[in-house]
Amino acid sequence: KKDYEVFNLGTGKGVSVLEAIKSFEKVSGRKLKYSIAG
């Protein structure tokens, strides 16, 4: 519609780092060792 356009590409849903870790542990069946850094 214009010579230059911009589009966002995402799912529209926010996921935290800890939620991402839980998703991986669920699908892989592996428990991850992690620590909190600064």
PDB file of all heavy atoms in Angstrom:
ATOM      1  N   LYS A   1       0.819  -1.218   0.000  1.00  0.00           N
ATOM      2  CA  LYS A   1       0.000   0.000   0.000  1.00  0.00           C
ATOM      3  C   LYS A   1       0.851   1.266   0.000  1.00  0.00           C
ATOM      4  O   LYS A   1       0.391   2.339  -0.355  1.00  0.00           O
ATOM      5  CB  LYS A   1      -0.942  -0.009   1.201  1.00  0.00           C
ATOM      6  CG  LYS A   1      -1.970  -1.139   1.108  1.00  0.00           C
ATOM      7  CD  LYS A   1      -2.944  -1.123   2.260  1.00  0.00           C
ATOM      8  CE  LYS A   1      -3.980  -2.236   2.095  1.00  0.00           C
ATOM      9  NZ  LYS A   1      -4.911  -2.303   3.239  1.00  0.00           N
ATOM     10  N   LYS A   2       2.097   1.120   0.437  1.00  0.00           N
ATOM     11  CA  LYS A   2       3.051   2.234   0.432  1.00  0.00           C
ATOM     12  C   LYS A   2       4.370   1.694  -0.104  1.00  0.00           C
ATOM     13  O   LYS A   2       4.583   0.480  -0.160  1.00  0.00           O
ATOM     14  CB  LYS A   2       3.256   2.781   1.849  1.00  0.00           C
ATOM     15  CG  LYS A   2       2.003   3.267   2.541  1.00  0.00           C
ATOM     16  CD  LYS A   2       2.324   3.626   3.986  1.00  0.00           C
ATOM     17  CE  LYS A   2       1.061   3.991   4.757  1.00  0.00           C
ATOM     18  NZ  LYS A   2       1.332   4.173   6.198  1.00  0.00           N
ATOM     19  N   ASP A   3       5.273   2.617  -0.464  1.00  0.00           N
ATOM     20  CA  ASP A   3       6.588   2.175  -0.939  1.00  0.00           C
ATOM     21  C   ASP A   3       7.405   1.540   0.174  1.00  0.00           C
ATOM     22  O   ASP A   3       8.299   0.735  -0.084  1.00  0.00           O
ATOM     23  CB  ASP A   3       7.358   3.353  -1.545  1.00  0.00           C
ATOM     24  CG  ASP A   3       6.777   3.790  -2.879  1.00  0.00           C
ATOM     25  OD1 ASP A   3       6.117   2.961  -3.537  1.00  0.00           O
ATOM     26  OD2 ASP A   3       6.974   4.957  -3.266  1.00  0.00           O
ATOM     27  N   TYR A   4       7.112   1.942   1.431  1.00  0.00           N
ATOM     28  CA  TYR A   4       7.835   1.372   2.562  1.00  0.00           C
ATOM     29  C   TYR A   4       6.842   1.055   3.672  1.00  0.00           C
ATOM     30  O   TYR A   4       6.041   1.905   4.074  1.00  0.00           O
ATOM     31  CB  TYR A   4       8.892   2.349   3.086  1.00  0.00           C
ATOM     32  CG  TYR A   4       9.633   1.842   4.296  1.00  0.00           C
ATOM     33  CD1 TYR A   4      10.469   0.729   4.219  1.00  0.00           C
ATOM     34  CD2 TYR A   4       9.478   2.457   5.538  1.00  0.00           C
ATOM     35  CE1 TYR A   4      11.137   0.251   5.334  1.00  0.00           C
ATOM     36  CE2 TYR A   4      10.152   1.987   6.664  1.00  0.00           C
ATOM     37  CZ  TYR A   4      10.968   0.883   6.562  1.00  0.00           C
ATOM     38  OH  TYR A   4      11.627   0.399   7.658  1.00  0.00           O
ATOM     39  N   GLU A   5       6.879  -0.187   4.157  1.00  0.00           N
ATOM     40  CA  GLU A   5       5.955  -0.636   5.204  1.00  0.00           C
ATOM     41  C   GLU A   5       6.717  -1.381   6.295  1.00  0.00           C
ATOM     42  O   GLU A   5       7.807  -1.910   6.066  1.00  0.00           O
ATOM     43  CB  GLU A   5       4.888  -1.570   4.621  1.00  0.00           C
ATOM     44  CG  GLU A   5       3.989  -0.923   3.583  1.00  0.00           C
ATOM     45  CD  GLU A   5       2.990  -1.913   2.999  1.00  0.00           C
ATOM     46  OE1 GLU A   5       3.427  -2.916   2.409  1.00  0.00           O
ATOM     47  OE2 GLU A   5       1.783  -1.674   3.146  1.00  0.00           O
ATOM     48  N   VAL A   6       6.104  -1.438   7.469  1.00  0.00           N
ATOM     49  CA  VAL A   6       6.688  -2.115   8.629  1.00  0.00           C
ATOM     50  C   VAL A   6       5.658  -3.056   9.230  1.00  0.00           C
ATOM     51  O   VAL A   6       4.480  -2.698   9.365  1.00  0.00           O
ATOM     52  CB  VAL A   6       7.119  -1.081   9.689  1.00  0.00           C
ATOM     53  CG1 VAL A   6       7.523  -1.768  10.979  1.00  0.00           C
ATOM     54  CG2 VAL A   6       8.263  -0.228   9.175  1.00  0.00           C
ATOM     55  N   PHE A   7       6.092  -4.272   9.592  1.00  0.00           N
ATOM     56  CA  PHE A   7       5.189  -5.242  10.212  1.00  0.00           C
ATOM     57  C   PHE A   7       5.864  -5.905  11.405  1.00  0.00           C
ATOM     58  O   PHE A   7       7.039  -6.281  11.344  1.00  0.00           O
ATOM     59  CB  PHE A   7       4.778  -6.334   9.214  1.00  0.00           C
ATOM     60  CG  PHE A   7       3.979  -5.841   8.057  1.00  0.00           C
ATOM     61  CD1 PHE A   7       4.591  -5.613   6.832  1.00  0.00           C
ATOM     62  CD2 PHE A   7       2.617  -5.589   8.184  1.00  0.00           C
ATOM     63  CE1 PHE A   7       3.853  -5.146   5.754  1.00  0.00           C
ATOM     64  CE2 PHE A   7       1.871  -5.123   7.110  1.00  0.00           C
ATOM     65  CZ  PHE A   7       2.496  -4.898   5.886  1.00  0.00           C
ATOM     66  N   ASN A   8       5.100  -6.087  12.489  1.00  0.00           N
ATOM     67  CA  ASN A   8       5.537  -6.883  13.637  1.00  0.00           C
ATOM     68  C   ASN A   8       5.282  -8.360  13.372  1.00  0.00           C
ATOM     69  O   ASN A   8       4.206  -8.727  12.885  1.00  0.00           O
ATOM     70  CB  ASN A   8       4.763  -6.491  14.896  1.00  0.00           C
ATOM     71  CG  ASN A   8       5.188  -5.160  15.467  1.00  0.00           C
ATOM     72  OD1 ASN A   8       6.251  -4.652  15.158  1.00  0.00           O
ATOM     73  ND2 ASN A   8       4.339  -4.587  16.316  1.00  0.00           N
ATOM     74  N   LEU A   9       6.245  -9.189  13.751  1.00  0.00           N
ATOM     75  CA  LEU A   9       6.076 -10.639  13.619  1.00  0.00           C
ATOM     76  C   LEU A   9       6.239 -11.290  14.989  1.00  0.00           C
ATOM     77  O   LEU A   9       7.336 -11.316  15.558  1.00  0.00           O
ATOM     78  CB  LEU A   9       7.094 -11.221  12.636  1.00  0.00           C
ATOM     79  CG  LEU A   9       7.045 -10.669  11.206  1.00  0.00           C
ATOM     80  CD1 LEU A   9       8.108 -11.332  10.352  1.00  0.00           C
ATOM     81  CD2 LEU A   9       5.659 -10.854  10.582  1.00  0.00           C
ATOM     82  N   GLY A  10       5.147 -11.767  15.528  1.00  0.00           N
ATOM     83  CA  GLY A  10       5.165 -12.431  16.828  1.00  0.00           C
ATOM     84  C   GLY A  10       3.874 -13.204  17.019  1.00  0.00           C
ATOM     85  O   GLY A  10       2.991 -13.218  16.160  1.00  0.00           O
ATOM     86  N   THR A  11       3.758 -13.847  18.177  1.00  0.00           N
ATOM     87  CA  THR A  11       2.556 -14.637  18.473  1.00  0.00           C
ATOM     88  C   THR A  11       1.482 -13.801  19.136  1.00  0.00           C
ATOM     89  O   THR A  11       0.320 -14.175  19.157  1.00  0.00           O
ATOM     90  CB  THR A  11       2.887 -15.798  19.431  1.00  0.00           C
ATOM     91  OG1 THR A  11       3.287 -15.246  20.701  1.00  0.00           O
ATOM     92  CG2 THR A  11       4.002 -16.675  18.880  1.00  0.00           C
ATOM     93  N   GLY A  12       1.896 -12.679  19.747  1.00  0.00           N
ATOM     94  CA  GLY A  12       0.968 -11.869  20.527  1.00  0.00           C
ATOM     95  C   GLY A  12       0.885 -12.289  21.979  1.00  0.00           C
ATOM     96  O   GLY A  12       0.074 -11.770  22.741  1.00  0.00           O
ATOM     97  N   LYS A  13       1.763 -13.216  22.384  1.00  0.00           N
ATOM     98  CA  LYS A  13       1.731 -13.712  23.768  1.00  0.00           C
ATOM     99  C   LYS A  13       3.120 -13.605  24.388  1.00  0.00           C
ATOM    100  O   LYS A  13       4.106 -14.009  23.784  1.00  0.00           O
ATOM    101  CB  LYS A  13       1.275 -15.169  23.788  1.00  0.00           C
ATOM    102  CG  LYS A  13       1.157 -15.738  25.201  1.00  0.00           C
ATOM    103  CD  LYS A  13       0.827 -17.234  25.183  1.00  0.00           C
ATOM    104  CE  LYS A  13       0.771 -17.789  26.604  1.00  0.00           C
ATOM    105  NZ  LYS A  13       0.696 -19.249  26.650  1.00  0.00           N
ATOM    106  N   GLY A  14       3.170 -13.077  25.599  1.00  0.00           N
ATOM    107  CA  GLY A  14       4.433 -12.976  26.319  1.00  0.00           C
ATOM    108  C   GLY A  14       4.704 -14.217  27.149  1.00  0.00           C
ATOM    109  O   GLY A  14       3.801 -14.756  27.791  1.00  0.00           O
ATOM    110  N   VAL A  15       5.954 -14.667  27.137  1.00  0.00           N
ATOM    111  CA  VAL A  15       6.368 -15.864  27.884  1.00  0.00           C
ATOM    112  C   VAL A  15       7.622 -15.509  28.667  1.00  0.00           C
ATOM    113  O   VAL A  15       8.575 -14.949  28.114  1.00  0.00           O
ATOM    114  CB  VAL A  15       6.670 -17.037  26.916  1.00  0.00           C
ATOM    115  CG1 VAL A  15       7.267 -18.226  27.665  1.00  0.00           C
ATOM    116  CG2 VAL A  15       5.413 -17.449  26.164  1.00  0.00           C
ATOM    117  N   SER A  16       7.647 -15.836  29.950  1.00  0.00           N
ATOM    118  CA  SER A  16       8.824 -15.528  30.766  1.00  0.00           C
ATOM    119  C   SER A  16       9.924 -16.566  30.528  1.00  0.00           C
ATOM    120  O   SER A  16       9.675 -17.659  30.000  1.00  0.00           O
ATOM    121  CB  SER A  16       8.453 -15.513  32.251  1.00  0.00           C
ATOM    122  OG  SER A  16       8.288 -16.834  32.734  1.00  0.00           O
ATOM    123  N   VAL A  17      11.129 -16.211  30.951  1.00  0.00           N
ATOM    124  CA  VAL A  17      12.261 -17.134  30.815  1.00  0.00           C
ATOM    125  C   VAL A  17      11.973 -18.437  31.563  1.00  0.00           C
ATOM    126  O   VAL A  17      12.225 -19.533  31.049  1.00  0.00           O
ATOM    127  CB  VAL A  17      13.556 -16.485  31.341  1.00  0.00           C
ATOM    128  CG1 VAL A  17      14.703 -17.493  31.376  1.00  0.00           C
ATOM    129  CG2 VAL A  17      13.936 -15.279  30.482  1.00  0.00           C
ATOM    130  N   LEU A  18      11.424 -18.331  32.770  1.00  0.00           N
ATOM    131  CA  LEU A  18      11.136 -19.556  33.539  1.00  0.00           C
ATOM    132  C   LEU A  18      10.037 -20.382  32.888  1.00  0.00           C
ATOM    133  O   LEU A  18      10.079 -21.623  32.920  1.00  0.00           O
ATOM    134  CB  LEU A  18      10.758 -19.207  34.980  1.00  0.00           C
ATOM    135  CG  LEU A  18      11.875 -18.599  35.841  1.00  0.00           C
ATOM    136  CD1 LEU A  18      11.391 -18.377  37.270  1.00  0.00           C
ATOM    137  CD2 LEU A  18      13.125 -19.487  35.835  1.00  0.00           C
ATOM    138  N   GLU A  19       9.052 -19.738  32.271  1.00  0.00           N
ATOM    139  CA  GLU A  19       8.012 -20.482  31.535  1.00  0.00           C
ATOM    140  C   GLU A  19       8.608 -21.196  30.329  1.00  0.00           C
ATOM    141  O   GLU A  19       8.209 -22.322  30.005  1.00  0.00           O
ATOM    142  CB  GLU A  19       6.900 -19.520  31.095  1.00  0.00           C
ATOM    143  CG  GLU A  19       6.004 -19.052  32.225  1.00  0.00           C
ATOM    144  CD  GLU A  19       5.028 -17.973  31.791  1.00  0.00           C
ATOM    145  OE1 GLU A  19       5.343 -17.178  30.883  1.00  0.00           O
ATOM    146  OE2 GLU A  19       3.921 -17.928  32.383  1.00  0.00           O
ATOM    147  N   ALA A  20       9.555 -20.551  29.660  1.00  0.00           N
ATOM    148  CA  ALA A  20      10.219 -21.186  28.519  1.00  0.00           C
ATOM    149  C   ALA A  20      10.998 -22.416  28.971  1.00  0.00           C
ATOM    150  O   ALA A  20      10.975 -23.467  28.307  1.00  0.00           O
ATOM    151  CB  ALA A  20      11.149 -20.189  27.830  1.00  0.00           C
ATOM    152  N   ILE A  21      11.673 -22.301  30.094  1.00  0.00           N
ATOM    153  CA  ILE A  21      12.414 -23.441  30.641  1.00  0.00           C
ATOM    154  C   ILE A  21      11.461 -24.598  30.956  1.00  0.00           C
ATOM    155  O   ILE A  21      11.742 -25.760  30.628  1.00  0.00           O
ATOM    156  CB  ILE A  21      13.199 -23.011  31.907  1.00  0.00           C
ATOM    157  CG1 ILE A  21      14.363 -22.096  31.518  1.00  0.00           C
ATOM    158  CG2 ILE A  21      13.702 -24.232  32.677  1.00  0.00           C
ATOM    159  CD1 ILE A  21      15.052 -21.438  32.697  1.00  0.00           C
ATOM    160  N   LYS A  22      10.322 -24.284  31.568  1.00  0.00           N
ATOM    161  CA  LYS A  22       9.340 -25.332  31.901  1.00  0.00           C
ATOM    162  C   LYS A  22       8.805 -26.023  30.651  1.00  0.00           C
ATOM    163  O   LYS A  22       8.597 -27.242  30.633  1.00  0.00           O
ATOM    164  CB  LYS A  22       8.187 -24.740  32.712  1.00  0.00           C
ATOM    165  CG  LYS A  22       8.556 -24.413  34.155  1.00  0.00           C
ATOM    166  CD  LYS A  22       7.435 -23.684  34.870  1.00  0.00           C
ATOM    167  CE  LYS A  22       7.885 -23.205  36.246  1.00  0.00           C
ATOM    168  NZ  LYS A  22       6.913 -22.284  36.862  1.00  0.00           N
ATOM    169  N   SER A  23       8.573 -25.255  29.594  1.00  0.00           N
ATOM    170  CA  SER A  23       8.106 -25.837  28.333  1.00  0.00           C
ATOM    171  C   SER A  23       9.132 -26.822  27.794  1.00  0.00           C
ATOM    172  O   SER A  23       8.790 -27.937  27.383  1.00  0.00           O
ATOM    173  CB  SER A  23       7.846 -24.734  27.301  1.00  0.00           C
ATOM    174  OG  SER A  23       7.639 -25.278  26.018  1.00  0.00           O
ATOM    175  N   PHE A  24      10.407 -26.421  27.820  1.00  0.00           N
ATOM    176  CA  PHE A  24      11.456 -27.316  27.329  1.00  0.00           C
ATOM    177  C   PHE A  24      11.527 -28.584  28.173  1.00  0.00           C
ATOM    178  O   PHE A  24      11.634 -29.698  27.634  1.00  0.00           O
ATOM    179  CB  PHE A  24      12.824 -26.621  27.321  1.00  0.00           C
ATOM    180  CG  PHE A  24      13.926 -27.544  26.890  1.00  0.00           C
ATOM    181  CD1 PHE A  24      14.164 -27.774  25.547  1.00  0.00           C
ATOM    182  CD2 PHE A  24      14.686 -28.235  27.830  1.00  0.00           C
ATOM    183  CE1 PHE A  24      15.153 -28.664  25.142  1.00  0.00           C
ATOM    184  CE2 PHE A  24      15.680 -29.124  27.437  1.00  0.00           C
ATOM    185  CZ  PHE A  24      15.911 -29.333  26.084  1.00  0.00           C
ATOM    186  N   GLU A  25      11.479 -28.433  29.493  1.00  0.00           N
ATOM    187  CA  GLU A  25      11.561 -29.610  30.366  1.00  0.00           C
ATOM    188  C   GLU A  25      10.408 -30.569  30.098  1.00  0.00           C
ATOM    189  O   GLU A  25      10.584 -31.792  30.102  1.00  0.00           O
ATOM    190  CB  GLU A  25      11.554 -29.163  31.829  1.00  0.00           C
ATOM    191  CG  GLU A  25      12.850 -28.474  32.259  1.00  0.00           C
ATOM    192  CD  GLU A  25      12.839 -28.007  33.711  1.00  0.00           C
ATOM    193  OE1 GLU A  25      11.723 -27.752  34.241  1.00  0.00           O
ATOM    194  OE2 GLU A  25      13.925 -27.912  34.308  1.00  0.00           O
ATOM    195  N   LYS A  26       9.248 -30.011  29.796  1.00  0.00           N
ATOM    196  CA  LYS A  26       8.064 -30.849  29.528  1.00  0.00           C
ATOM    197  C   LYS A  26       8.241 -31.674  28.254  1.00  0.00           C
ATOM    198  O   LYS A  26       8.001 -32.885  28.255  1.00  0.00           O
ATOM    199  CB  LYS A  26       6.821 -29.962  29.425  1.00  0.00           C
ATOM    200  CG  LYS A  26       5.535 -30.740  29.157  1.00  0.00           C
ATOM    201  CD  LYS A  26       4.313 -29.847  29.207  1.00  0.00           C
ATOM    202  CE  LYS A  26       4.209 -28.958  27.996  1.00  0.00           C
ATOM    203  NZ  LYS A  26       2.939 -28.192  27.950  1.00  0.00           N
ATOM    204  N   VAL A  27       8.661 -31.011  27.161  1.00  0.00           N
ATOM    205  CA  VAL A  27       8.719 -31.721  25.877  1.00  0.00           C
ATOM    206  C   VAL A  27       9.943 -32.620  25.762  1.00  0.00           C
ATOM    207  O   VAL A  27       9.930 -33.609  25.020  1.00  0.00           O
ATOM    208  CB  VAL A  27       8.661 -30.751  24.678  1.00  0.00           C
ATOM    209  CG1 VAL A  27       7.391 -29.928  24.709  1.00  0.00           C
ATOM    210  CG2 VAL A  27       9.887 -29.854  24.602  1.00  0.00           C
ATOM    211  N   SER A  28      11.007 -32.298  26.505  1.00  0.00           N
ATOM    212  CA  SER A  28      12.244 -33.080  26.402  1.00  0.00           C
ATOM    213  C   SER A  28      12.336 -34.185  27.447  1.00  0.00           C
ATOM    214  O   SER A  28      13.083 -35.152  27.267  1.00  0.00           O
ATOM    215  CB  SER A  28      13.464 -32.160  26.559  1.00  0.00           C
ATOM    216  OG  SER A  28      13.560 -31.671  27.887  1.00  0.00           O
ATOM    217  N   GLY A  29      11.573 -34.011  28.544  1.00  0.00           N
ATOM    218  CA  GLY A  29      11.679 -34.965  29.639  1.00  0.00           C
ATOM    219  C   GLY A  29      12.966 -34.814  30.435  1.00  0.00           C
ATOM    220  O   GLY A  29      13.334 -35.700  31.220  1.00  0.00           O
ATOM    221  N   ARG A  30      13.677 -33.704  30.251  1.00  0.00           N
ATOM    222  CA  ARG A  30      14.946 -33.471  30.951  1.00  0.00           C
ATOM    223  C   ARG A  30      14.816 -32.308  31.917  1.00  0.00           C
ATOM    224  O   ARG A  30      14.258 -31.274  31.572  1.00  0.00           O
ATOM    225  CB  ARG A  30      16.070 -33.176  29.952  1.00  0.00           C
ATOM    226  CG  ARG A  30      16.346 -34.327  29.018  1.00  0.00           C
ATOM    227  CD  ARG A  30      17.758 -34.307  28.512  1.00  0.00           C
ATOM    228  NE  ARG A  30      18.057 -35.546  27.796  1.00  0.00           N
ATOM    229  CZ  ARG A  30      19.277 -35.966  27.519  1.00  0.00           C
ATOM    230  NH1 ARG A  30      20.315 -35.261  27.917  1.00  0.00           N
ATOM    231  NH2 ARG A  30      19.461 -37.096  26.857  1.00  0.00           N
ATOM    232  N   LYS A  31      15.356 -32.485  33.109  1.00  0.00           N
ATOM    233  CA  LYS A  31      15.354 -31.421  34.107  1.00  0.00           C
ATOM    234  C   LYS A  31      16.597 -30.570  33.890  1.00  0.00           C
ATOM    235  O   LYS A  31      17.710 -31.091  33.799  1.00  0.00           O
ATOM    236  CB  LYS A  31      15.369 -32.033  35.513  1.00  0.00           C
ATOM    237  CG  LYS A  31      15.080 -31.048  36.617  1.00  0.00           C
ATOM    238  CD  LYS A  31      13.610 -30.692  36.678  1.00  0.00           C
ATOM    239  CE  LYS A  31      13.341 -29.748  37.857  1.00  0.00           C
ATOM    240  NZ  LYS A  31      12.020 -29.116  37.764  1.00  0.00           N
ATOM    241  N   LEU A  32      16.415 -29.265  33.792  1.00  0.00           N
ATOM    242  CA  LEU A  32      17.537 -28.371  33.537  1.00  0.00           C
ATOM    243  C   LEU A  32      18.140 -27.857  34.838  1.00  0.00           C
ATOM    244  O   LEU A  32      17.418 -27.512  35.780  1.00  0.00           O
ATOM    245  CB  LEU A  32      17.081 -27.166  32.708  1.00  0.00           C
ATOM    246  CG  LEU A  32      16.840 -27.400  31.215  1.00  0.00           C
ATOM    247  CD1 LEU A  32      16.261 -26.137  30.591  1.00  0.00           C
ATOM    248  CD2 LEU A  32      18.117 -27.790  30.500  1.00  0.00           C
ATOM    249  N   LYS A  33      19.457 -27.773  34.850  1.00  0.00           N
ATOM    250  CA  LYS A  33      20.144 -27.136  35.954  1.00  0.00           C
ATOM    251  C   LYS A  33      20.355 -25.668  35.582  1.00  0.00           C
ATOM    252  O   LYS A  33      20.956 -25.376  34.547  1.00  0.00           O
ATOM    253  CB  LYS A  33      21.491 -27.813  36.199  1.00  0.00           C
ATOM    254  CG  LYS A  33      22.253 -27.248  37.388  1.00  0.00           C
ATOM    255  CD  LYS A  33      23.607 -27.941  37.535  1.00  0.00           C
ATOM    256  CE  LYS A  33      24.391 -27.333  38.693  1.00  0.00           C
ATOM    257  NZ  LYS A  33      25.768 -27.896  38.761  1.00  0.00           N
ATOM    258  N   TYR A  34      19.816 -24.764  36.391  1.00  0.00           N
ATOM    259  CA  TYR A  34      20.012 -23.348  36.095  1.00  0.00           C
ATOM    260  C   TYR A  34      20.222 -22.557  37.384  1.00  0.00           C
ATOM    261  O   TYR A  34      19.856 -22.989  38.472  1.00  0.00           O
ATOM    262  CB  TYR A  34      18.825 -22.785  35.301  1.00  0.00           C
ATOM    263  CG  TYR A  34      17.506 -22.734  36.023  1.00  0.00           C
ATOM    264  CD1 TYR A  34      17.156 -21.627  36.805  1.00  0.00           C
ATOM    265  CD2 TYR A  34      16.585 -23.780  35.904  1.00  0.00           C
ATOM    266  CE1 TYR A  34      15.935 -21.584  37.457  1.00  0.00           C
ATOM    267  CE2 TYR A  34      15.367 -23.741  36.559  1.00  0.00           C
ATOM    268  CZ  TYR A  34      15.045 -22.639  37.330  1.00  0.00           C
ATOM    269  OH  TYR A  34      13.837 -22.581  37.990  1.00  0.00           O
ATOM    270  N   SER A  35      20.855 -21.396  37.208  1.00  0.00           N
ATOM    271  CA  SER A  35      21.069 -20.503  38.341  1.00  0.00           C
ATOM    272  C   SER A  35      20.713 -19.081  37.920  1.00  0.00           C
ATOM    273  O   SER A  35      20.682 -18.756  36.734  1.00  0.00           O
ATOM    274  CB  SER A  35      22.527 -20.564  38.813  1.00  0.00           C
ATOM    275  OG  SER A  35      23.396 -20.086  37.799  1.00  0.00           O
ATOM    276  N   ILE A  36      20.440 -18.263  38.915  1.00  0.00           N
ATOM    277  CA  ILE A  36      20.086 -16.870  38.648  1.00  0.00           C
ATOM    278  C   ILE A  36      21.354 -16.028  38.665  1.00  0.00           C
ATOM    279  O   ILE A  36      22.126 -16.065  39.628  1.00  0.00           O
ATOM    280  CB  ILE A  36      19.091 -16.333  39.697  1.00  0.00           C
ATOM    281  CG1 ILE A  36      17.857 -17.245  39.793  1.00  0.00           C
ATOM    282  CG2 ILE A  36      18.693 -14.894  39.359  1.00  0.00           C
ATOM    283  CD1 ILE A  36      17.057 -17.376  38.521  1.00  0.00           C
ATOM    284  N   ALA A  37      21.569 -15.279  37.588  1.00  0.00           N
ATOM    285  CA  ALA A  37      22.702 -14.353  37.501  1.00  0.00           C
ATOM    286  C   ALA A  37      22.158 -12.924  37.513  1.00  0.00           C
ATOM    287  O   ALA A  37      20.946 -12.705  37.485  1.00  0.00           O
ATOM    288  CB  ALA A  37      23.494 -14.622  36.223  1.00  0.00           C
ATOM    289  N   GLY A  38      23.056 -11.962  37.551  1.00  0.00           N
ATOM    290  CA  GLY A  38      22.642 -10.562  37.522  1.00  0.00           C
ATOM    291  C   GLY A  38      22.033 -10.198  36.174  1.00  0.00           C
ATOM    292  O   GLY A  38      22.180 -10.923  35.181  1.00  0.00           O
TER     293      GLY A  38
END
